[in-house]
Amino acid sequence: MQLRDNGLRFSPITVALHWVVALSLLAIFGLQVMIDQAPSDATRMPFAHLQNLVGLILFLVSVYRFWARITSYHPLPVGTPNPIEVIISRSVAVALALAMVLLPVAVWASRSAGGEAVVLPGGFSIPTLLPIHAGLKHVVDVLFDIGASAFLAGLALHVFGAVKNHFLLKNNTLKRMLGKHVEL
């Protein structure tokens, strides 16, 4: 079994974790909608704790994915892509992987500086190592907002590229990310 990406294909680990991240992001967004719609704190808290757990898992997976992304060969593009598009797509992919590590750290830092613990299901919590400081919280929140906006723009480019490759160019890029063996 191929454990690392190489110049020809993604490893099954990369493919699986790619979709774990995608589903985790959808779960976090869905849980946020449920938190916003909850009528009281009593109904809101279990969703918040579950969202924190999904975020922690996403962070841990993302640390590995970022390390794997910068230490492995990325497979060659399918078909005959424009070199500028390859540079953009690979830059966006690395930026997304880095953002998936930094944004959860920013959430933790913001909550720590605000004196709020990141509580997980079962009553466990992530330690707050930063001092309570309103100015620090504000700075971290602004940095988070900038990073989240850039992340969402990069995610939109990523999805656009996948849709373009699948429906417009009709190549096998999406099939490869679903774990299928494709010819270059």
N, C-alpha and C. Protein backbone atom coordinates (compact mmCIF):
# COMPACT_ATOMS: atom_id res chain seq x y z
N MET A 1 0.84 -1.18 0.00
CA MET A 1 0.00 0.00 0.00
C MET A 1 0.89 1.25 0.00
N GLN A 2 0.54 2.17 -0.83
CA GLN A 2 1.28 3.42 -0.95
C GLN A 2 0.93 4.33 0.23
N LEU A 3 1.94 4.67 1.06
CA LEU A 3 1.68 5.46 2.27
C LEU A 3 1.90 6.95 2.07
N ARG A 4 2.63 7.34 1.03
CA ARG A 4 2.91 8.76 0.81
C ARG A 4 2.57 9.13 -0.62
N ASP A 5 2.29 10.40 -0.82
CA ASP A 5 2.05 10.89 -2.17
C ASP A 5 3.34 10.74 -2.97
N ASN A 6 3.19 10.55 -4.27
CA ASN A 6 4.36 10.56 -5.14
C ASN A 6 4.00 11.35 -6.40
N GLY A 7 4.87 11.37 -7.36
CA GLY A 7 4.64 12.17 -8.55
C GLY A 7 3.50 11.70 -9.42
N LEU A 8 3.00 10.49 -9.18
CA LEU A 8 1.95 9.94 -10.02
C LEU A 8 0.57 9.93 -9.37
N ARG A 9 0.51 9.78 -8.05
CA ARG A 9 -0.81 9.70 -7.42
C ARG A 9 -0.76 10.07 -5.94
N PHE A 10 -1.95 10.37 -5.42
CA PHE A 10 -2.10 10.64 -4.00
C PHE A 10 -2.16 9.31 -3.26
N SER A 11 -1.68 9.29 -2.02
CA SER A 11 -1.79 8.09 -1.21
C SER A 11 -3.24 7.95 -0.73
N PRO A 12 -3.65 6.74 -0.37
CA PRO A 12 -5.00 6.57 0.20
C PRO A 12 -5.19 7.39 1.48
N ILE A 13 -4.12 7.60 2.22
CA ILE A 13 -4.20 8.42 3.45
C ILE A 13 -4.54 9.86 3.09
N THR A 14 -3.87 10.40 2.09
CA THR A 14 -4.14 11.78 1.65
C THR A 14 -5.57 11.92 1.18
N VAL A 15 -6.03 10.97 0.38
CA VAL A 15 -7.39 11.03 -0.15
C VAL A 15 -8.40 10.99 1.00
N ALA A 16 -8.22 10.04 1.92
CA ALA A 16 -9.16 9.92 3.04
C ALA A 16 -9.16 11.18 3.90
N LEU A 17 -7.98 11.69 4.22
CA LEU A 17 -7.92 12.87 5.09
C LEU A 17 -8.45 14.12 4.39
N HIS A 18 -8.31 14.20 3.07
CA HIS A 18 -8.89 15.32 2.31
C HIS A 18 -10.39 15.37 2.54
N TRP A 19 -11.04 14.23 2.45
CA TRP A 19 -12.50 14.18 2.62
C TRP A 19 -12.90 14.29 4.08
N VAL A 20 -12.06 13.83 5.00
CA VAL A 20 -12.32 14.04 6.44
C VAL A 20 -12.34 15.53 6.73
N VAL A 21 -11.38 16.26 6.17
CA VAL A 21 -11.33 17.71 6.37
C VAL A 21 -12.56 18.38 5.77
N ALA A 22 -12.92 17.99 4.55
CA ALA A 22 -14.09 18.59 3.91
C ALA A 22 -15.35 18.36 4.73
N LEU A 23 -15.55 17.13 5.18
CA LEU A 23 -16.74 16.83 5.98
C LEU A 23 -16.69 17.51 7.35
N SER A 24 -15.51 17.63 7.93
CA SER A 24 -15.37 18.32 9.21
C SER A 24 -15.71 19.80 9.09
N LEU A 25 -15.26 20.42 8.00
CA LEU A 25 -15.60 21.83 7.79
C LEU A 25 -17.11 22.01 7.64
N LEU A 26 -17.73 21.12 6.87
CA LEU A 26 -19.19 21.19 6.73
C LEU A 26 -19.88 21.00 8.08
N ALA A 27 -19.37 20.08 8.88
CA ALA A 27 -19.95 19.85 10.21
C ALA A 27 -19.80 21.08 11.09
N ILE A 28 -18.63 21.72 11.05
CA ILE A 28 -18.42 22.93 11.86
C ILE A 28 -19.37 24.04 11.43
N PHE A 29 -19.53 24.24 10.12
CA PHE A 29 -20.45 25.27 9.63
C PHE A 29 -21.90 24.92 10.01
N GLY A 30 -22.26 23.65 9.86
CA GLY A 30 -23.61 23.22 10.23
C GLY A 30 -23.88 23.38 11.72
N LEU A 31 -22.90 23.01 12.54
CA LEU A 31 -23.06 23.19 13.98
C LEU A 31 -23.17 24.66 14.35
N GLN A 32 -22.46 25.52 13.64
CA GLN A 32 -22.56 26.96 13.91
C GLN A 32 -23.96 27.46 13.62
N VAL A 33 -24.56 26.98 12.55
CA VAL A 33 -25.95 27.36 12.23
C VAL A 33 -26.87 26.89 13.35
N MET A 34 -26.65 25.66 13.84
CA MET A 34 -27.48 25.14 14.92
C MET A 34 -27.28 25.93 16.21
N ILE A 35 -26.05 26.35 16.48
CA ILE A 35 -25.76 27.17 17.66
C ILE A 35 -26.48 28.51 17.55
N ASP A 36 -26.41 29.12 16.36
CA ASP A 36 -27.06 30.42 16.16
C ASP A 36 -28.58 30.33 16.27
N GLN A 37 -29.15 29.18 15.92
CA GLN A 37 -30.61 29.01 15.95
C GLN A 37 -31.13 28.51 17.30
N ALA A 38 -30.23 28.06 18.17
CA ALA A 38 -30.67 27.49 19.45
C ALA A 38 -31.34 28.57 20.30
N PRO A 39 -32.45 28.20 20.94
CA PRO A 39 -33.20 29.20 21.70
C PRO A 39 -32.59 29.58 23.05
N SER A 40 -31.74 28.71 23.61
CA SER A 40 -31.19 29.02 24.93
C SER A 40 -29.77 28.46 25.05
N ASP A 41 -29.08 28.91 26.11
CA ASP A 41 -27.73 28.41 26.36
C ASP A 41 -27.72 26.91 26.64
N ALA A 42 -28.76 26.42 27.26
CA ALA A 42 -28.83 24.99 27.59
C ALA A 42 -28.86 24.13 26.34
N THR A 43 -29.53 24.59 25.30
CA THR A 43 -29.55 23.83 24.04
C THR A 43 -28.35 24.16 23.16
N ARG A 44 -27.76 25.31 23.38
CA ARG A 44 -26.62 25.75 22.57
C ARG A 44 -25.32 25.05 22.98
N MET A 45 -25.13 24.81 24.26
CA MET A 45 -23.85 24.29 24.77
C MET A 45 -23.45 22.93 24.22
N PRO A 46 -24.33 21.94 24.11
CA PRO A 46 -23.89 20.66 23.54
C PRO A 46 -23.39 20.80 22.10
N PHE A 47 -24.05 21.66 21.33
CA PHE A 47 -23.59 21.89 19.95
C PHE A 47 -22.22 22.57 19.95
N ALA A 48 -22.03 23.52 20.86
CA ALA A 48 -20.74 24.22 20.95
C ALA A 48 -19.63 23.26 21.35
N HIS A 49 -19.91 22.39 22.30
CA HIS A 49 -18.90 21.42 22.74
C HIS A 49 -18.55 20.45 21.61
N LEU A 50 -19.56 20.01 20.87
CA LEU A 50 -19.32 19.12 19.73
C LEU A 50 -18.53 19.85 18.64
N GLN A 51 -18.86 21.11 18.42
CA GLN A 51 -18.12 21.91 17.44
C GLN A 51 -16.65 22.05 17.86
N ASN A 52 -16.40 22.24 19.14
CA ASN A 52 -15.03 22.33 19.64
C ASN A 52 -14.28 21.01 19.42
N LEU A 53 -14.96 19.89 19.63
CA LEU A 53 -14.33 18.58 19.42
C LEU A 53 -14.00 18.36 17.94
N VAL A 54 -14.93 18.69 17.07
CA VAL A 54 -14.68 18.56 15.63
C VAL A 54 -13.52 19.47 15.23
N GLY A 55 -13.49 20.68 15.79
CA GLY A 55 -12.39 21.61 15.50
C GLY A 55 -11.05 21.08 15.98
N LEU A 56 -11.02 20.45 17.14
CA LEU A 56 -9.77 19.87 17.65
C LEU A 56 -9.30 18.73 16.75
N ILE A 57 -10.22 17.86 16.37
CA ILE A 57 -9.86 16.76 15.46
C ILE A 57 -9.37 17.32 14.13
N LEU A 58 -10.06 18.33 13.63
CA LEU A 58 -9.66 18.96 12.37
C LEU A 58 -8.27 19.57 12.48
N PHE A 59 -7.97 20.20 13.61
CA PHE A 59 -6.64 20.77 13.83
C PHE A 59 -5.57 19.68 13.80
N LEU A 60 -5.79 18.59 14.52
CA LEU A 60 -4.80 17.51 14.58
C LEU A 60 -4.58 16.88 13.21
N VAL A 61 -5.66 16.65 12.48
CA VAL A 61 -5.54 16.11 11.12
C VAL A 61 -4.80 17.11 10.22
N SER A 62 -5.10 18.38 10.40
CA SER A 62 -4.50 19.42 9.54
C SER A 62 -3.01 19.59 9.79
N VAL A 63 -2.56 19.40 11.03
CA VAL A 63 -1.12 19.46 11.31
C VAL A 63 -0.41 18.38 10.49
N TYR A 64 -0.95 17.17 10.53
CA TYR A 64 -0.36 16.08 9.74
C TYR A 64 -0.43 16.39 8.24
N ARG A 65 -1.58 16.87 7.78
CA ARG A 65 -1.74 17.14 6.34
C ARG A 65 -0.77 18.22 5.87
N PHE A 66 -0.57 19.26 6.68
CA PHE A 66 0.36 20.31 6.29
C PHE A 66 1.77 19.75 6.21
N TRP A 67 2.17 18.97 7.21
CA TRP A 67 3.50 18.35 7.19
C TRP A 67 3.64 17.46 5.95
N ALA A 68 2.64 16.63 5.68
CA ALA A 68 2.70 15.74 4.52
C ALA A 68 2.75 16.53 3.23
N ARG A 69 2.03 17.64 3.19
CA ARG A 69 1.98 18.45 1.96
C ARG A 69 3.34 19.05 1.63
N ILE A 70 4.06 19.50 2.64
CA ILE A 70 5.34 20.15 2.35
C ILE A 70 6.51 19.18 2.29
N THR A 71 6.30 17.92 2.69
CA THR A 71 7.40 16.95 2.66
C THR A 71 7.23 15.87 1.60
N SER A 72 6.12 15.84 0.89
CA SER A 72 5.88 14.82 -0.13
C SER A 72 5.83 15.46 -1.51
N TYR A 73 6.06 14.63 -2.49
CA TYR A 73 5.88 15.09 -3.86
C TYR A 73 4.39 15.19 -4.14
N HIS A 74 4.01 16.25 -4.80
CA HIS A 74 2.62 16.39 -5.19
C HIS A 74 2.46 15.76 -6.57
N PRO A 75 1.41 14.98 -6.78
CA PRO A 75 1.25 14.34 -8.09
C PRO A 75 1.19 15.34 -9.23
N LEU A 76 1.67 14.90 -10.36
CA LEU A 76 1.61 15.74 -11.56
C LEU A 76 0.17 16.04 -11.91
N PRO A 77 -0.09 17.19 -12.53
CA PRO A 77 -1.46 17.51 -12.90
C PRO A 77 -1.96 16.57 -14.02
N VAL A 78 -3.27 16.39 -14.04
CA VAL A 78 -3.89 15.57 -15.07
C VAL A 78 -4.08 16.40 -16.32
N GLY A 79 -3.86 15.80 -17.48
CA GLY A 79 -4.06 16.51 -18.75
C GLY A 79 -2.90 17.43 -19.06
N THR A 80 -3.20 18.51 -19.77
CA THR A 80 -2.18 19.49 -20.14
C THR A 80 -2.58 20.86 -19.59
N PRO A 81 -2.35 21.07 -18.30
CA PRO A 81 -2.79 22.32 -17.67
C PRO A 81 -1.89 23.50 -18.01
N ASN A 82 -2.44 24.66 -17.85
CA ASN A 82 -1.71 25.90 -18.00
C ASN A 82 -0.73 26.00 -16.82
N PRO A 83 0.55 26.30 -17.07
CA PRO A 83 1.52 26.38 -15.97
C PRO A 83 1.13 27.40 -14.89
N ILE A 84 0.52 28.50 -15.28
CA ILE A 84 0.08 29.50 -14.30
C ILE A 84 -0.99 28.90 -13.39
N GLU A 85 -1.91 28.13 -13.97
CA GLU A 85 -2.95 27.49 -13.17
C GLU A 85 -2.36 26.48 -12.19
N VAL A 86 -1.32 25.78 -12.60
CA VAL A 86 -0.66 24.82 -11.71
C VAL A 86 -0.03 25.55 -10.53
N ILE A 87 0.65 26.65 -10.80
CA ILE A 87 1.26 27.44 -9.73
C ILE A 87 0.20 27.96 -8.77
N ILE A 88 -0.90 28.48 -9.32
CA ILE A 88 -1.97 29.01 -8.48
C ILE A 88 -2.61 27.89 -7.67
N SER A 89 -2.91 26.77 -8.31
CA SER A 89 -3.60 25.70 -7.58
C SER A 89 -2.72 25.12 -6.47
N ARG A 90 -1.45 24.97 -6.73
CA ARG A 90 -0.56 24.43 -5.69
C ARG A 90 -0.35 25.44 -4.57
N SER A 91 -0.28 26.71 -4.92
CA SER A 91 -0.14 27.75 -3.89
C SER A 91 -1.38 27.81 -3.02
N VAL A 92 -2.55 27.72 -3.64
CA VAL A 92 -3.79 27.73 -2.88
C VAL A 92 -3.87 26.50 -1.98
N ALA A 93 -3.46 25.35 -2.49
CA ALA A 93 -3.52 24.12 -1.68
C ALA A 93 -2.62 24.22 -0.45
N VAL A 94 -1.43 24.74 -0.61
CA VAL A 94 -0.52 24.90 0.53
C VAL A 94 -1.07 25.94 1.50
N ALA A 95 -1.61 27.03 0.97
CA ALA A 95 -2.18 28.07 1.83
C ALA A 95 -3.39 27.54 2.61
N LEU A 96 -4.22 26.74 1.97
CA LEU A 96 -5.36 26.14 2.67
C LEU A 96 -4.89 25.21 3.78
N ALA A 97 -3.87 24.41 3.49
CA ALA A 97 -3.35 23.49 4.50
C ALA A 97 -2.77 24.26 5.69
N LEU A 98 -2.06 25.34 5.42
CA LEU A 98 -1.51 26.16 6.50
C LEU A 98 -2.62 26.84 7.30
N ALA A 99 -3.63 27.35 6.60
CA ALA A 99 -4.74 28.00 7.28
C ALA A 99 -5.49 27.04 8.18
N MET A 100 -5.58 25.78 7.78
CA MET A 100 -6.28 24.79 8.59
C MET A 100 -5.53 24.49 9.89
N VAL A 101 -4.27 24.87 9.96
CA VAL A 101 -3.50 24.74 11.19
C VAL A 101 -3.61 26.04 12.01
N LEU A 102 -3.49 27.17 11.34
CA LEU A 102 -3.44 28.44 12.05
C LEU A 102 -4.79 28.93 12.56
N LEU A 103 -5.86 28.71 11.81
CA LEU A 103 -7.17 29.23 12.23
C LEU A 103 -7.67 28.60 13.53
N PRO A 104 -7.54 27.28 13.72
CA PRO A 104 -7.94 26.74 15.03
C PRO A 104 -7.08 27.28 16.18
N VAL A 105 -5.81 27.52 15.93
CA VAL A 105 -4.95 28.10 16.97
C VAL A 105 -5.45 29.51 17.30
N ALA A 106 -5.88 30.26 16.29
CA ALA A 106 -6.40 31.60 16.52
C ALA A 106 -7.70 31.56 17.34
N VAL A 107 -8.56 30.58 17.06
CA VAL A 107 -9.79 30.45 17.86
C VAL A 107 -9.43 30.18 19.31
N TRP A 108 -8.53 29.25 19.54
CA TRP A 108 -8.10 28.93 20.90
C TRP A 108 -7.49 30.16 21.58
N ALA A 109 -6.62 30.88 20.86
CA ALA A 109 -5.96 32.06 21.43
C ALA A 109 -6.99 33.14 21.78
N SER A 110 -7.97 33.34 20.91
CA SER A 110 -9.00 34.34 21.17
C SER A 110 -9.81 33.98 22.41
N ARG A 111 -10.19 32.72 22.49
CA ARG A 111 -10.97 32.31 23.66
C ARG A 111 -10.13 32.37 24.93
N SER A 112 -8.87 32.01 24.85
CA SER A 112 -7.99 32.08 26.02
C SER A 112 -7.84 33.52 26.49
N ALA A 113 -7.59 34.43 25.54
CA ALA A 113 -7.42 35.83 25.90
C ALA A 113 -8.72 36.44 26.43
N GLY A 114 -9.85 35.85 26.05
CA GLY A 114 -11.14 36.32 26.55
C GLY A 114 -11.56 35.64 27.84
N GLY A 115 -10.72 34.73 28.35
CA GLY A 115 -11.03 34.04 29.59
C GLY A 115 -12.03 32.92 29.44
N GLU A 116 -12.22 32.45 28.21
CA GLU A 116 -13.20 31.40 27.93
C GLU A 116 -12.47 30.10 27.62
N ALA A 117 -12.84 29.04 28.27
CA ALA A 117 -12.23 27.73 28.01
C ALA A 117 -12.86 27.11 26.77
N VAL A 118 -12.07 26.32 26.05
CA VAL A 118 -12.58 25.55 24.93
C VAL A 118 -13.01 24.21 25.51
N VAL A 119 -14.32 24.08 25.74
CA VAL A 119 -14.86 22.90 26.41
C VAL A 119 -15.26 21.86 25.38
N LEU A 120 -14.90 20.61 25.67
CA LEU A 120 -15.21 19.48 24.80
C LEU A 120 -16.32 18.65 25.44
N PRO A 121 -16.94 17.77 24.68
CA PRO A 121 -17.95 16.88 25.29
C PRO A 121 -17.33 16.07 26.43
N GLY A 122 -18.14 15.80 27.43
CA GLY A 122 -17.66 15.05 28.58
C GLY A 122 -17.02 15.92 29.65
N GLY A 123 -17.05 17.24 29.46
CA GLY A 123 -16.50 18.14 30.47
C GLY A 123 -15.01 18.40 30.36
N PHE A 124 -14.35 17.79 29.38
CA PHE A 124 -12.93 18.06 29.18
C PHE A 124 -12.78 19.44 28.55
N SER A 125 -11.63 20.07 28.79
CA SER A 125 -11.39 21.36 28.16
C SER A 125 -9.92 21.50 27.80
N ILE A 126 -9.67 22.34 26.81
CA ILE A 126 -8.31 22.63 26.36
C ILE A 126 -7.80 23.76 27.26
N PRO A 127 -6.61 23.61 27.84
CA PRO A 127 -6.11 24.63 28.77
C PRO A 127 -6.00 26.02 28.12
N THR A 128 -6.28 27.03 28.91
CA THR A 128 -6.12 28.41 28.45
C THR A 128 -4.77 28.90 28.96
N LEU A 129 -3.80 28.96 28.09
CA LEU A 129 -2.43 29.29 28.48
C LEU A 129 -2.12 30.77 28.36
N LEU A 130 -2.99 31.52 27.70
CA LEU A 130 -2.73 32.95 27.52
C LEU A 130 -3.39 33.75 28.64
N PRO A 131 -2.82 34.90 28.96
CA PRO A 131 -3.46 35.73 30.00
C PRO A 131 -4.74 36.37 29.46
N ILE A 132 -5.67 36.62 30.36
CA ILE A 132 -6.90 37.31 29.95
C ILE A 132 -6.53 38.75 29.66
N HIS A 133 -6.78 39.17 28.43
CA HIS A 133 -6.40 40.52 28.01
C HIS A 133 -7.27 40.93 26.83
N ALA A 134 -8.08 41.95 27.01
CA ALA A 134 -9.03 42.39 25.97
C ALA A 134 -8.31 42.85 24.71
N GLY A 135 -7.18 43.52 24.85
CA GLY A 135 -6.44 44.00 23.68
C GLY A 135 -5.89 42.84 22.86
N LEU A 136 -5.34 41.85 23.53
CA LEU A 136 -4.82 40.67 22.84
C LEU A 136 -5.95 39.93 22.13
N LYS A 137 -7.10 39.81 22.80
CA LYS A 137 -8.25 39.15 22.18
C LYS A 137 -8.67 39.89 20.92
N HIS A 138 -8.70 41.21 20.97
CA HIS A 138 -9.10 42.00 19.81
C HIS A 138 -8.13 41.78 18.64
N VAL A 139 -6.84 41.80 18.92
CA VAL A 139 -5.83 41.60 17.87
C VAL A 139 -5.99 40.21 17.24
N VAL A 140 -6.14 39.20 18.09
CA VAL A 140 -6.30 37.83 17.57
C VAL A 140 -7.59 37.72 16.76
N ASP A 141 -8.66 38.34 17.21
CA ASP A 141 -9.93 38.30 16.47
C ASP A 141 -9.80 38.95 15.10
N VAL A 142 -9.10 40.08 15.03
CA VAL A 142 -8.89 40.74 13.74
C VAL A 142 -8.06 39.85 12.82
N LEU A 143 -6.99 39.27 13.36
CA LEU A 143 -6.17 38.36 12.56
C LEU A 143 -6.96 37.14 12.11
N PHE A 144 -7.82 36.61 12.99
CA PHE A 144 -8.67 35.49 12.61
C PHE A 144 -9.61 35.88 11.47
N ASP A 145 -10.23 37.05 11.58
CA ASP A 145 -11.16 37.49 10.53
C ASP A 145 -10.45 37.62 9.18
N ILE A 146 -9.25 38.17 9.19
CA ILE A 146 -8.47 38.29 7.95
C ILE A 146 -8.13 36.90 7.42
N GLY A 147 -7.64 36.03 8.29
CA GLY A 147 -7.28 34.67 7.87
C GLY A 147 -8.48 33.87 7.39
N ALA A 148 -9.61 34.01 8.08
CA ALA A 148 -10.81 33.28 7.68
C ALA A 148 -11.32 33.76 6.32
N SER A 149 -11.24 35.07 6.09
CA SER A 149 -11.65 35.61 4.78
C SER A 149 -10.76 35.08 3.67
N ALA A 150 -9.46 35.07 3.92
CA ALA A 150 -8.52 34.54 2.92
C ALA A 150 -8.75 33.04 2.72
N PHE A 151 -9.02 32.33 3.82
CA PHE A 151 -9.29 30.90 3.73
C PHE A 151 -10.52 30.64 2.87
N LEU A 152 -11.60 31.38 3.11
CA LEU A 152 -12.82 31.18 2.33
C LEU A 152 -12.62 31.51 0.86
N ALA A 153 -11.80 32.54 0.57
CA ALA A 153 -11.49 32.85 -0.83
C ALA A 153 -10.69 31.71 -1.46
N GLY A 154 -9.71 31.18 -0.73
CA GLY A 154 -8.94 30.05 -1.23
C GLY A 154 -9.79 28.81 -1.40
N LEU A 155 -10.71 28.57 -0.47
CA LEU A 155 -11.61 27.43 -0.57
C LEU A 155 -12.51 27.57 -1.80
N ALA A 156 -12.98 28.78 -2.06
CA ALA A 156 -13.80 29.02 -3.26
C ALA A 156 -12.99 28.73 -4.53
N LEU A 157 -11.71 29.15 -4.56
CA LEU A 157 -10.85 28.85 -5.71
C LEU A 157 -10.64 27.35 -5.85
N HIS A 158 -10.46 26.67 -4.73
CA HIS A 158 -10.25 25.22 -4.74
C HIS A 158 -11.47 24.50 -5.31
N VAL A 159 -12.64 24.86 -4.84
CA VAL A 159 -13.87 24.24 -5.34
C VAL A 159 -14.10 24.60 -6.80
N PHE A 160 -13.83 25.86 -7.16
CA PHE A 160 -13.97 26.28 -8.56
C PHE A 160 -13.05 25.44 -9.46
N GLY A 161 -11.80 25.24 -9.02
CA GLY A 161 -10.87 24.44 -9.81
C GLY A 161 -11.34 23.01 -9.97
N ALA A 162 -11.88 22.42 -8.91
CA ALA A 162 -12.39 21.05 -8.99
C ALA A 162 -13.57 20.96 -9.95
N VAL A 163 -14.48 21.91 -9.85
CA VAL A 163 -15.65 21.92 -10.73
C VAL A 163 -15.22 22.16 -12.18
N LYS A 164 -14.30 23.08 -12.39
CA LYS A 164 -13.81 23.37 -13.74
C LYS A 164 -13.16 22.13 -14.35
N ASN A 165 -12.29 21.46 -13.57
CA ASN A 165 -11.62 20.27 -14.10
C ASN A 165 -12.62 19.16 -14.41
N HIS A 166 -13.62 18.99 -13.57
CA HIS A 166 -14.55 17.88 -13.76
C HIS A 166 -15.56 18.14 -14.87
N PHE A 167 -16.18 19.33 -14.87
CA PHE A 167 -17.26 19.58 -15.80
C PHE A 167 -16.83 20.28 -17.08
N LEU A 168 -15.89 21.21 -17.01
CA LEU A 168 -15.50 21.95 -18.20
C LEU A 168 -14.38 21.24 -18.97
N LEU A 169 -13.31 20.90 -18.27
CA LEU A 169 -12.18 20.24 -18.92
C LEU A 169 -12.40 18.73 -19.06
N LYS A 170 -13.33 18.19 -18.28
CA LYS A 170 -13.68 16.77 -18.32
C LYS A 170 -12.45 15.86 -18.17
N ASN A 171 -11.56 16.24 -17.24
CA ASN A 171 -10.41 15.37 -16.96
C ASN A 171 -10.68 14.58 -15.68
N ASN A 172 -9.73 13.79 -15.27
CA ASN A 172 -9.93 12.87 -14.15
C ASN A 172 -9.40 13.37 -12.81
N THR A 173 -9.25 14.68 -12.67
CA THR A 173 -8.70 15.23 -11.43
C THR A 173 -9.57 14.86 -10.22
N LEU A 174 -10.87 15.03 -10.35
CA LEU A 174 -11.76 14.72 -9.23
C LEU A 174 -11.77 13.21 -8.95
N LYS A 175 -11.74 12.41 -9.99
CA LYS A 175 -11.70 10.96 -9.80
C LYS A 175 -10.44 10.56 -9.03
N ARG A 176 -9.32 11.22 -9.34
CA ARG A 176 -8.08 10.91 -8.62
C ARG A 176 -8.22 11.26 -7.15
N MET A 177 -8.91 12.36 -6.83
CA MET A 177 -9.08 12.74 -5.44
C MET A 177 -10.13 11.89 -4.74
N LEU A 178 -10.84 11.08 -5.50
CA LEU A 178 -11.76 10.10 -4.92
C LEU A 178 -11.08 8.76 -4.74
N GLY A 179 -9.76 8.69 -5.07
CA GLY A 179 -9.00 7.48 -4.84
C GLY A 179 -8.86 6.57 -6.04
N LYS A 180 -9.38 6.99 -7.18
CA LYS A 180 -9.28 6.16 -8.37
C LYS A 180 -7.92 6.35 -9.04
N HIS A 181 -7.43 5.29 -9.69
CA HIS A 181 -6.18 5.38 -10.44
C HIS A 181 -6.50 5.99 -11.80
N VAL A 182 -5.78 7.06 -12.15
CA VAL A 182 -6.02 7.72 -13.44
C VAL A 182 -4.70 7.84 -14.19
N GLU A 183 -4.83 7.88 -15.50
CA GLU A 183 -3.67 8.09 -16.36
C GLU A 183 -3.43 9.58 -16.51
N LEU A 184 -2.17 9.96 -16.50
CA LEU A 184 -1.84 11.37 -16.68
C LEU A 184 -1.94 11.70 -18.14
